[in-house]
C-alpha atoms as a PDB file:
ATOM      1  CA  UNK A   1      60.238 -13.541 116.415  1.00  0.00           C
ATOM      2  CA  UNK A   2      58.960 -14.674 119.293  1.00  0.00           C
ATOM      3  CA  UNK A   3      56.924 -18.168 118.834  1.00  0.00           C
ATOM      4  CA  UNK A   4      54.154 -16.794 120.896  1.00  0.00           C
ATOM      5  CA  UNK A   5      53.687 -13.121 118.836  1.00  0.00           C
ATOM      6  CA  UNK A   6      53.682 -15.767 116.017  1.00  0.00           C
ATOM      7  CA  UNK A   7      50.894 -18.022 116.659  1.00  0.00           C
ATOM      8  CA  UNK A   8      48.891 -14.753 117.940  1.00  0.00           C
ATOM      9  CA  UNK A   9      49.921 -13.374 114.283  1.00  0.00           C
ATOM     10  CA  UNK A  10      48.316 -17.081 112.979  1.00  0.00           C
ATOM     11  CA  UNK A  11      44.945 -16.481 114.870  1.00  0.00           C
ATOM     12  CA  UNK A  12      44.652 -12.798 113.760  1.00  0.00           C
ATOM     13  CA  UNK A  13      45.160 -14.216 109.752  1.00  0.00           C
ATOM     14  CA  UNK A  14      42.757 -16.528 110.367  1.00  0.00           C
ATOM     15  CA  UNK A  15      40.143 -14.253 111.828  1.00  0.00           C
ATOM     16  CA  UNK A  16      40.795 -11.685 109.388  1.00  0.00           C
ATOM     17  CA  UNK A  17      40.404 -14.449 106.155  1.00  0.00           C
ATOM     18  CA  UNK A  18      36.917 -15.636 107.660  1.00  0.00           C
ATOM     19  CA  UNK A  19      36.186 -11.930 108.120  1.00  0.00           C
ATOM     20  CA  UNK A  20      36.926 -11.541 104.608  1.00  0.00           C
ATOM     21  CA  UNK A  21      34.874 -14.631 103.428  1.00  0.00           C
ATOM     22  CA  UNK A  22      31.625 -13.799 105.197  1.00  0.00           C
ATOM     23  CA  UNK A  23      32.268 -10.028 103.712  1.00  0.00           C
ATOM     24  CA  UNK A  24      32.720 -11.083 100.280  1.00  0.00           C
ATOM     25  CA  UNK A  25      29.772 -13.677 100.203  1.00  0.00           C
ATOM     26  CA  UNK A  26      27.465 -10.323 101.790  1.00  0.00           C
ATOM     27  CA  UNK A  27      28.788  -7.876  99.068  1.00  0.00           C
ATOM     28  CA  UNK A  28      28.041 -10.152  96.437  1.00  0.00           C
ATOM     29  CA  UNK A  29      24.632 -11.131  97.175  1.00  0.00           C
ATOM     30  CA  UNK A  30      24.199  -7.495  97.662  1.00  0.00           C
ATOM     31  CA  UNK A  31      25.558  -7.002  94.558  1.00  0.00           C
ATOM     32  CA  UNK A  32      23.027  -9.439  92.766  1.00  0.00           C
ATOM     33  CA  UNK A  33      19.949  -7.661  94.609  1.00  0.00           C
ATOM     34  CA  UNK A  34      21.017  -3.860  93.609  1.00  0.00           C
ATOM     35  CA  UNK A  35      22.044  -5.627  89.966  1.00  0.00           C
ATOM     36  CA  UNK A  36      17.779  -7.220  90.304  1.00  0.00           C
ATOM     37  CA  UNK A  37      17.054  -3.721  90.676  1.00  0.00           C
ATOM     38  CA  UNK A  38      18.537  -1.965  87.743  1.00  0.00           C
ATOM     39  CA  UNK A  39      20.869   0.413  90.302  1.00  0.00           C
ATOM     40  CA  UNK A  40      24.180   1.780  89.035  1.00  0.00           C
ATOM     41  CA  UNK A  41      27.348   1.340  90.893  1.00  0.00           C
ATOM     42  CA  UNK A  42      29.384   4.462  91.984  1.00  0.00           C
ATOM     43  CA  UNK A  43      31.283   6.123  89.226  1.00  0.00           C
ATOM     44  CA  UNK A  44      34.458   5.667  90.790  1.00  0.00           C
ATOM     45  CA  UNK A  45      34.207   1.527  90.556  1.00  0.00           C
ATOM     46  CA  UNK A  46      33.962   1.878  86.974  1.00  0.00           C
ATOM     47  CA  UNK A  47      36.933   2.906  85.626  1.00  0.00           C
ATOM     48  CA  UNK A  48      38.512  -0.536  85.302  1.00  0.00           C
ATOM     49  CA  UNK A  49      40.547   0.480  82.047  1.00  0.00           C
ATOM     50  CA  UNK A  50      42.285   3.012  83.960  1.00  0.00           C
ATOM     51  CA  UNK A  51      45.968   2.744  84.781  1.00  0.00           C
ATOM     52  CA  UNK A  52      45.437   4.740  87.771  1.00  0.00           C
ATOM     53  CA  UNK A  53      41.878   4.897  89.024  1.00  0.00           C
ATOM     54  CA  UNK A  54      42.028   7.378  91.512  1.00  0.00           C
ATOM     55  CA  UNK A  55      42.996   9.923  89.679  1.00  0.00           C
ATOM     56  CA  UNK A  56      41.632  11.673  86.190  1.00  0.00           C
ATOM     57  CA  UNK A  57      44.683  11.637  83.460  1.00  0.00           C
ATOM     58  CA  UNK A  58      44.775  13.776  81.351  1.00  0.00           C
ATOM     59  CA  UNK A  59      47.317  14.733  78.137  1.00  0.00           C
ATOM     60  CA  UNK A  60      46.720  17.828  76.784  1.00  0.00           C
ATOM     61  CA  UNK A  61      48.903  21.094  74.801  1.00  0.00           C
ATOM     62  CA  UNK A  62      50.451  23.356  77.238  1.00  0.00           C
ATOM     63  CA  UNK A  63      49.559  26.386  74.918  1.00  0.00           C
ATOM     64  CA  UNK A  64      46.920  25.779  72.531  1.00  0.00           C
ATOM     65  CA  UNK A  65      43.946  27.966  73.483  1.00  0.00           C
ATOM     66  CA  UNK A  66      40.780  28.171  73.611  1.00  0.00           C
ATOM     67  CA  UNK A  67      41.393  24.289  73.768  1.00  0.00           C
ATOM     68  CA  UNK A  68      43.775  23.960  76.437  1.00  0.00           C
ATOM     69  CA  UNK A  69      46.638  25.798  78.472  1.00  0.00           C
ATOM     70  CA  UNK A  70      49.135  25.024  81.360  1.00  0.00           C
ATOM     71  CA  UNK A  71      46.536  27.753  83.339  1.00  0.00           C
ATOM     72  CA  UNK A  72      44.011  25.383  82.990  1.00  0.00           C
ATOM     73  CA  UNK A  73      41.786  28.008  80.823  1.00  0.00           C
ATOM     74  CA  UNK A  74      40.670  26.299  77.838  1.00  0.00           C
ATOM     75  CA  UNK A  75      37.257  25.166  76.868  1.00  0.00           C
ATOM     76  CA  UNK A  76      38.573  21.367  77.360  1.00  0.00           C
ATOM     77  CA  UNK A  77      40.029  22.211  80.576  1.00  0.00           C
ATOM     78  CA  UNK A  78      36.578  23.079  81.750  1.00  0.00           C
ATOM     79  CA  UNK A  79      34.990  20.166  80.169  1.00  0.00           C
ATOM     80  CA  UNK A  80      38.204  17.520  81.948  1.00  0.00           C
ATOM     81  CA  UNK A  81      37.454  19.421  85.146  1.00  0.00           C
ATOM     82  CA  UNK A  82      33.337  18.454  84.879  1.00  0.00           C
ATOM     83  CA  UNK A  83      34.199  15.285  83.900  1.00  0.00           C
ATOM     84  CA  UNK A  84      36.461  14.890  86.818  1.00  0.00           C
ATOM     85  CA  UNK A  85      34.125  16.098  89.116  1.00  0.00           C
ATOM     86  CA  UNK A  86      31.277  13.846  87.811  1.00  0.00           C
ATOM     87  CA  UNK A  87      33.634  10.704  88.360  1.00  0.00           C
ATOM     88  CA  UNK A  88      34.895  11.954  91.838  1.00  0.00           C
ATOM     89  CA  UNK A  89      38.387  11.803  90.229  1.00  0.00           C
ATOM     90  CA  UNK A  90      41.399  13.853  91.094  1.00  0.00           C
ATOM     91  CA  UNK A  91      42.277  15.857  87.677  1.00  0.00           C
ATOM     92  CA  UNK A  92      45.395  15.239  86.810  1.00  0.00           C
ATOM     93  CA  UNK A  93      47.443  16.733  83.753  1.00  0.00           C
ATOM     94  CA  UNK A  94      50.630  15.547  81.242  1.00  0.00           C
ATOM     95  CA  UNK A  95      51.128  18.390  79.065  1.00  0.00           C
ATOM     96  CA  UNK A  96      52.752  17.878  75.682  1.00  0.00           C
ATOM     97  CA  UNK A  97      52.439  19.886  72.402  1.00  0.00           C
ATOM     98  CA  UNK A  98      49.636  18.421  69.423  1.00  0.00           C
ATOM     99  CA  UNK A  99      52.240  17.919  67.063  1.00  0.00           C
ATOM    100  CA  UNK A 100      53.834  14.633  65.588  1.00  0.00           C
ATOM    101  CA  UNK A 101      54.162  11.926  68.199  1.00  0.00           C
ATOM    102  CA  UNK A 102      51.529  13.386  70.361  1.00  0.00           C
ATOM    103  CA  UNK A 103      49.494   9.872  70.472  1.00  0.00           C
ATOM    104  CA  UNK A 104      53.001   7.861  71.103  1.00  0.00           C
ATOM    105  CA  UNK A 105      54.221  10.143  74.040  1.00  0.00           C
ATOM    106  CA  UNK A 106      50.815  10.139  75.875  1.00  0.00           C
ATOM    107  CA  UNK A 107      48.203   7.598  75.384  1.00  0.00           C
ATOM    108  CA  UNK A 108      50.594   5.531  73.717  1.00  0.00           C
ATOM    109  CA  UNK A 109      52.723   5.661  76.734  1.00  0.00           C
ATOM    110  CA  UNK A 110      50.151   5.527  79.247  1.00  0.00           C
ATOM    111  CA  UNK A 111      50.768   8.409  80.737  1.00  0.00           C
ATOM    112  CA  UNK A 112      47.363   9.817  80.560  1.00  0.00           C
ATOM    113  CA  UNK A 113      44.042   7.813  79.840  1.00  0.00           C
ATOM    114  CA  UNK A 114      42.233  10.603  77.780  1.00  0.00           C
ATOM    115  CA  UNK A 115      42.794  13.221  75.051  1.00  0.00           C
ATOM    116  CA  UNK A 116      39.564  16.018  75.720  1.00  0.00           C
ATOM    117  CA  UNK A 117      39.314  16.601  71.697  1.00  0.00           C
ATOM    118  CA  UNK A 118      39.980  13.916  68.684  1.00  0.00           C
ATOM    119  CA  UNK A 119      38.055  14.235  65.674  1.00  0.00           C
ATOM    120  CA  UNK A 120      35.378  11.091  65.243  1.00  0.00           C
ATOM    121  CA  UNK A 121      37.469   8.139  63.182  1.00  0.00           C
ATOM    122  CA  UNK A 122      40.782   9.480  64.132  1.00  0.00           C
ATOM    123  CA  UNK A 123      43.487   7.000  64.415  1.00  0.00           C
ATOM    124  CA  UNK A 124      45.175   5.139  66.111  1.00  0.00           C
ATOM    125  CA  UNK A 125      42.882   5.868  69.370  1.00  0.00           C
ATOM    126  CA  UNK A 126      39.812   4.738  70.173  1.00  0.00           C
ATOM    127  CA  UNK A 127      36.811   7.429  69.384  1.00  0.00           C
ATOM    128  CA  UNK A 128      33.933   7.959  71.972  1.00  0.00           C
ATOM    129  CA  UNK A 129      30.349   9.558  71.299  1.00  0.00           C
ATOM    130  CA  UNK A 130      31.198  13.240  69.568  1.00  0.00           C
ATOM    131  CA  UNK A 131      30.193  15.911  72.219  1.00  0.00           C
ATOM    132  CA  UNK A 132      30.172  18.408  69.611  1.00  0.00           C
ATOM    133  CA  UNK A 133      30.052  19.242  65.785  1.00  0.00           C
ATOM    134  CA  UNK A 134      31.533  22.122  64.255  1.00  0.00           C
ATOM    135  CA  UNK A 135      32.750  23.330  61.189  1.00  0.00           C
ATOM    136  CA  UNK A 136      35.313  25.417  59.751  1.00  0.00           C
ATOM    137  CA  UNK A 137      33.924  28.922  59.500  1.00  0.00           C
ATOM    138  CA  UNK A 138      34.447  31.653  56.877  1.00  0.00           C
ATOM    139  CA  UNK A 139      35.623  35.129  59.473  1.00  0.00           C
ATOM    140  CA  UNK A 140      34.783  38.736  57.565  1.00  0.00           C
ATOM    141  CA  UNK A 141      34.041  42.041  58.876  1.00  0.00           C
ATOM    142  CA  UNK A 142      30.883  42.285  60.494  1.00  0.00           C
ATOM    143  CA  UNK A 143      28.518  44.305  58.355  1.00  0.00           C
ATOM    144  CA  UNK A 144      30.695  44.281  55.379  1.00  0.00           C
ATOM    145  CA  UNK A 145      29.734  43.085  52.056  1.00  0.00           C
ATOM    146  CA  UNK A 146      30.952  39.719  52.532  1.00  0.00           C
ATOM    147  CA  UNK A 147      29.448  39.441  55.629  1.00  0.00           C
ATOM    148  CA  UNK A 148      26.588  36.901  54.783  1.00  0.00           C
ATOM    149  CA  UNK A 149      28.470  34.728  52.215  1.00  0.00           C
ATOM    150  CA  UNK A 150      28.083  31.019  53.354  1.00  0.00           C
ATOM    151  CA  UNK A 151      29.594  28.609  50.591  1.00  0.00           C
ATOM    152  CA  UNK A 152      33.048  29.273  48.798  1.00  0.00           C
ATOM    153  CA  UNK A 153      31.606  29.284  45.600  1.00  0.00           C
ATOM    154  CA  UNK A 154      29.822  32.617  46.168  1.00  0.00           C
ATOM    155  CA  UNK A 155      30.901  34.913  43.309  1.00  0.00           C
ATOM    156  CA  UNK A 156      31.684  37.368  45.741  1.00  0.00           C
ATOM    157  CA  UNK A 157      34.958  35.674  46.954  1.00  0.00           C
ATOM    158  CA  UNK A 158      36.641  36.221  43.473  1.00  0.00           C
ATOM    159  CA  UNK A 159      39.702  38.146  43.455  1.00  0.00           C
ATOM    160  CA  UNK A 160      39.607  38.821  47.291  1.00  0.00           C
ATOM    161  CA  UNK A 161      42.381  38.071  49.580  1.00  0.00           C
ATOM    162  CA  UNK A 162      41.546  35.320  51.882  1.00  0.00           C
ATOM    163  CA  UNK A 163      43.438  33.659  54.873  1.00  0.00           C
ATOM    164  CA  UNK A 164      43.562  29.822  55.000  1.00  0.00           C
ATOM    165  CA  UNK A 165      45.692  27.575  56.765  1.00  0.00           C
ATOM    166  CA  UNK A 166      48.518  25.734  54.555  1.00  0.00           C
ATOM    167  CA  UNK A 167      47.406  21.970  53.855  1.00  0.00           C
ATOM    168  CA  UNK A 168      44.249  22.152  55.710  1.00  0.00           C
ATOM    169  CA  UNK A 169      40.986  20.643  53.663  1.00  0.00           C
ATOM    170  CA  UNK A 170      39.862  24.369  52.847  1.00  0.00           C
ATOM    171  CA  UNK A 171      42.458  24.943  50.691  1.00  0.00           C
ATOM    172  CA  UNK A 172      41.189  22.360  48.629  1.00  0.00           C
ATOM    173  CA  UNK A 173      38.074  24.102  47.765  1.00  0.00           C
ATOM    174  CA  UNK A 174      39.695  27.421  47.383  1.00  0.00           C
ATOM    175  CA  UNK A 175      41.769  25.710  44.667  1.00  0.00           C
ATOM    176  CA  UNK A 176      38.796  23.942  43.328  1.00  0.00           C
ATOM    177  CA  UNK A 177      36.931  27.391  43.162  1.00  0.00           C
ATOM    178  CA  UNK A 178      39.658  29.306  41.666  1.00  0.00           C
ATOM    179  CA  UNK A 179      40.553  31.391  44.795  1.00  0.00           C
ATOM    180  CA  UNK A 180      44.008  30.378  45.511  1.00  0.00           C
ATOM    181  CA  UNK A 181      46.005  32.813  43.371  1.00  0.00           C
ATOM    182  CA  UNK A 182      44.994  35.404  46.203  1.00  0.00           C
ATOM    183  CA  UNK A 183      45.141  33.419  49.237  1.00  0.00           C
ATOM    184  CA  UNK A 184      47.544  33.998  51.667  1.00  0.00           C
ATOM    185  CA  UNK A 185      48.968  30.906  53.713  1.00  0.00           C
ATOM    186  CA  UNK A 186      49.319  30.312  57.335  1.00  0.00           C
ATOM    187  CA  UNK A 187      51.263  28.102  59.443  1.00  0.00           C
ATOM    188  CA  UNK A 188      49.462  24.683  60.129  1.00  0.00           C
ATOM    189  CA  UNK A 189      51.776  22.793  62.788  1.00  0.00           C
ATOM    190  CA  UNK A 190      53.487  25.393  65.208  1.00  0.00           C
ATOM    191  CA  UNK A 191      54.403  25.347  68.238  1.00  0.00           C
ATOM    192  CA  UNK A 192      51.657  27.435  70.227  1.00  0.00           C
ATOM    193  CA  UNK A 193      54.262  29.016  73.115  1.00  0.00           C
ATOM    194  CA  UNK A 194      55.760  30.866  70.231  1.00  0.00           C
ATOM    195  CA  UNK A 195      53.379  31.435  67.125  1.00  0.00           C
ATOM    196  CA  UNK A 196      49.851  31.777  67.222  1.00  0.00           C
ATOM    197  CA  UNK A 197      48.429  31.772  63.214  1.00  0.00           C
ATOM    198  CA  UNK A 198      44.874  32.014  63.989  1.00  0.00           C
ATOM    199  CA  UNK A 199      45.529  34.961  66.327  1.00  0.00           C
ATOM    200  CA  UNK A 200      47.574  36.945  63.065  1.00  0.00           C
ATOM    201  CA  UNK A 201      44.815  35.550  60.850  1.00  0.00           C
ATOM    202  CA  UNK A 202      42.229  37.712  63.096  1.00  0.00           C
ATOM    203  CA  UNK A 203      44.789  41.054  62.850  1.00  0.00           C
ATOM    204  CA  UNK A 204      45.512  40.771  59.593  1.00  0.00           C
ATOM    205  CA  UNK A 205      41.531  40.928  58.916  1.00  0.00           C
ATOM    206  CA  UNK A 206      41.026  43.615  61.280  1.00  0.00           C
ATOM    207  CA  UNK A 207      43.884  45.507  59.603  1.00  0.00           C
ATOM    208  CA  UNK A 208      42.672  45.156  56.334  1.00  0.00           C
ATOM    209  CA  UNK A 209      45.389  43.138  54.978  1.00  0.00           C
ATOM    210  CA  UNK A 210      43.324  40.324  53.810  1.00  0.00           C
ATOM    211  CA  UNK A 211      39.461  40.185  53.313  1.00  0.00           C
ATOM    212  CA  UNK A 212      38.171  37.034  55.353  1.00  0.00           C
ATOM    213  CA  UNK A 213      39.735  34.222  56.356  1.00  0.00           C
ATOM    214  CA  UNK A 214      39.061  30.376  57.283  1.00  0.00           C
ATOM    215  CA  UNK A 215      39.716  28.943  60.406  1.00  0.00           C
ATOM    216  CA  UNK A 216      38.775  25.762  62.134  1.00  0.00           C
ATOM    217  CA  UNK A 217      35.429  26.333  64.045  1.00  0.00           C
ATOM    218  CA  UNK A 218      36.311  26.443  67.641  1.00  0.00           C
ATOM    219  CA  UNK A 219      39.351  28.125  66.845  1.00  0.00           C
ATOM    220  CA  UNK A 220      38.065  31.016  64.789  1.00  0.00           C
ATOM    221  CA  UNK A 221      34.762  31.514  66.739  1.00  0.00           C
ATOM    222  CA  UNK A 222      36.976  32.130  69.989  1.00  0.00           C
ATOM    223  CA  UNK A 223      39.419  34.603  68.062  1.00  0.00           C
ATOM    224  CA  UNK A 224      36.578  36.116  66.392  1.00  0.00           C
ATOM    225  CA  UNK A 225      34.525  36.728  70.027  1.00  0.00           C
ATOM    226  CA  UNK A 226      37.596  37.843  71.462  1.00  0.00           C
ATOM    227  CA  UNK A 227      38.787  40.282  68.588  1.00  0.00           C
ATOM    228  CA  UNK A 228      39.064  44.343  69.045  1.00  0.00           C
ATOM    229  CA  UNK A 229      36.729  44.759  65.973  1.00  0.00           C
ATOM    230  CA  UNK A 230      33.161  43.101  65.018  1.00  0.00           C
ATOM    231  CA  UNK A 231      33.858  40.165  63.108  1.00  0.00           C
ATOM    232  CA  UNK A 232      30.927  37.817  61.349  1.00  0.00           C
ATOM    233  CA  UNK A 233      31.714  34.113  62.015  1.00  0.00           C
ATOM    234  CA  UNK A 234      30.274  31.824  59.324  1.00  0.00           C
ATOM    235  CA  UNK A 235      30.192  28.109  59.134  1.00  0.00           C
ATOM    236  CA  UNK A 236      31.087  26.286  55.850  1.00  0.00           C
ATOM    237  CA  UNK A 237      28.106  24.098  56.056  1.00  0.00           C
ATOM    238  CA  UNK A 238      26.912  24.129  51.989  1.00  0.00           C
ATOM    239  CA  UNK A 239      30.559  23.149  50.110  1.00  0.00           C
ATOM    240  CA  UNK A 240      29.687  20.013  48.188  1.00  0.00           C
ATOM    241  CA  UNK A 241      31.763  16.979  47.538  1.00  0.00           C
ATOM    242  CA  UNK A 242      34.718  15.902  49.498  1.00  0.00           C
ATOM    243  CA  UNK A 243      36.442  17.022  51.792  1.00  0.00           C
ATOM    244  CA  UNK A 244      33.628  17.812  54.053  1.00  0.00           C
ATOM    245  CA  UNK A 245      34.530  20.909  56.432  1.00  0.00           C
ATOM    246  CA  UNK A 246      32.288  19.441  59.247  1.00  0.00           C
ATOM    247  CA  UNK A 247      33.584  17.631  61.821  1.00  0.00           C
ATOM    248  CA  UNK A 248      32.533  15.520  65.171  1.00  0.00           C
ATOM    249  CA  UNK A 249      34.882  15.821  67.962  1.00  0.00           C
ATOM    250  CA  UNK A 250      35.223  12.951  70.386  1.00  0.00           C
ATOM    251  CA  UNK A 251      37.001  12.090  73.170  1.00  0.00           C
ATOM    252  CA  UNK A 252      40.016  10.178  72.252  1.00  0.00           C
ATOM    253  CA  UNK A 253      41.188   6.850  74.568  1.00  0.00           C
ATOM    254  CA  UNK A 254      43.453   3.909  74.102  1.00  0.00           C
ATOM    255  CA  UNK A 255      42.206   1.157  71.734  1.00  0.00           C
ATOM    256  CA  UNK A 256      40.504  -1.817  73.536  1.00  0.00           C
ATOM    257  CA  UNK A 257      39.126  -0.032  76.839  1.00  0.00           C
ATOM    258  CA  UNK A 258      35.642  -0.278  76.162  1.00  0.00           C
ATOM    259  CA  UNK A 259      34.626   0.305  79.891  1.00  0.00           C
ATOM    260  CA  UNK A 260      36.365   3.238  79.979  1.00  0.00           C
ATOM    261  CA  UNK A 261      34.563   4.345  76.112  1.00  0.00           C
ATOM    262  CA  UNK A 262      31.172   3.206  78.006  1.00  0.00           C
ATOM    263  CA  UNK A 263      31.701   5.416  81.229  1.00  0.00           C
ATOM    264  CA  UNK A 264      32.125   8.512  79.062  1.00  0.00           C
ATOM    265  CA  UNK A 265      29.754   8.030  76.735  1.00  0.00           C
ATOM    266  CA  UNK A 266      27.522   8.157  79.616  1.00  0.00           C
ATOM    267  CA  UNK A 267      29.071  11.053  80.834  1.00  0.00           C
ATOM    268  CA  UNK A 268      28.148  12.733  77.782  1.00  0.00           C
ATOM    269  CA  UNK A 269      24.606  11.829  77.203  1.00  0.00           C
ATOM    270  CA  UNK A 270      24.348  13.262  80.927  1.00  0.00           C
ATOM    271  CA  UNK A 271      25.735  16.110  80.613  1.00  0.00           C
ATOM    272  CA  UNK A 272      25.633  17.046  77.074  1.00  0.00           C
ATOM    273  CA  UNK A 273      23.827  20.113  78.248  1.00  0.00           C
ATOM    274  CA  UNK A 274      26.735  21.512  80.640  1.00  0.00           C
ATOM    275  CA  UNK A 275      28.919  20.572  77.984  1.00  0.00           C
ATOM    276  CA  UNK A 276      27.230  22.754  75.164  1.00  0.00           C
ATOM    277  CA  UNK A 277      27.206  25.561  77.987  1.00  0.00           C
ATOM    278  CA  UNK A 278      31.111  25.458  78.271  1.00  0.00           C
ATOM    279  CA  UNK A 279      31.688  25.146  74.225  1.00  0.00           C
ATOM    280  CA  UNK A 280      29.048  28.252  73.632  1.00  0.00           C
ATOM    281  CA  UNK A 281      30.628  30.109  76.218  1.00  0.00           C
ATOM    282  CA  UNK A 282      33.886  30.796  74.223  1.00  0.00           C
ATOM    283  CA  UNK A 283      32.363  30.984  70.999  1.00  0.00           C
ATOM    284  CA  UNK A 284      32.441  27.930  69.733  1.00  0.00           C
ATOM    285  CA  UNK A 285      30.171  27.214  66.235  1.00  0.00           C
ATOM    286  CA  UNK A 286      28.330  24.269  67.521  1.00  0.00           C
ATOM    287  CA  UNK A 287      25.803  22.300  64.578  1.00  0.00           C
ATOM    288  CA  UNK A 288      23.081  19.821  65.574  1.00  0.00           C
ATOM    289  CA  UNK A 289      22.649  16.837  63.452  1.00  0.00           C
ATOM    290  CA  UNK A 290      20.995  18.437  60.363  1.00  0.00           C
ATOM    291  CA  UNK A 291      23.881  20.948  60.335  1.00  0.00           C
ATOM    292  CA  UNK A 292      21.671  23.611  62.357  1.00  0.00           C
ATOM    293  CA  UNK A 293      23.576  26.514  64.402  1.00  0.00           C
ATOM    294  CA  UNK A 294      22.850  25.000  67.928  1.00  0.00           C
ATOM    295  CA  UNK A 295      22.384  28.658  69.840  1.00  0.00           C
ATOM    296  CA  UNK A 296      22.203  29.436  73.695  1.00  0.00           C
ATOM    297  CA  UNK A 297      20.209  28.989  75.764  1.00  0.00           C
ATOM    298  CA  UNK A 298      18.105  32.109  77.193  1.00  0.00           C
END
């Protein structure tokens, strides 16, 4: 490069840095003024914890309806799309089966920045505020003699064939109430691309193979809603002692990312109505803080 070109470039760099210093002083003064007026910065400026600050990177199961799938048809997909829109970010997925090793291979490996559904208090993530509460549900034929049963202590369940997910919390309560001898187990940890225990349980109820089934609320509510026959879905909120069958569901993020947590909490607070509409549209049985059903808005 010629000497004259180097001199010209040096002059240009000096002018550039003087301009940047002026601009930084101006921006700082403006920022202080806005802070005094309690005005919020744009959402894009607040994602300081994200690995990629231009993209909302979500890790999800590729075949786990009604939560997520690769076609982005699940309710967590819809909530993620809403979040991306409100943050002004592009939505991008890393797909991984939600089984053993999920956290290590997703959030832990920094392949994404949020998982859309985690039980409150569930290790090893940092939980946001809960964006919905639901419960395990008892599913029975609509209009049948078990349709209004709302607790596993009900004597009408004695001698009945009840479907239950093996190793799930309701199994303990079935045992406590002497109902396990007639129970039919369904697999807990499966690859949903090839097997769907919830669909199998609903089919068995409709075919009369079992008298009732117990599923996690969002799963049971969704598959009951799309069932070929009408079904009753009763949240089990009256069970006594442990384990509780009511859970709060949050977004899961990496521990220590407090700025990101605060931003997600702001989204939940501002968009709770829209989130509820999405969940109710999928048949999710929502509960308020007193375990009362949240009904769709008229």
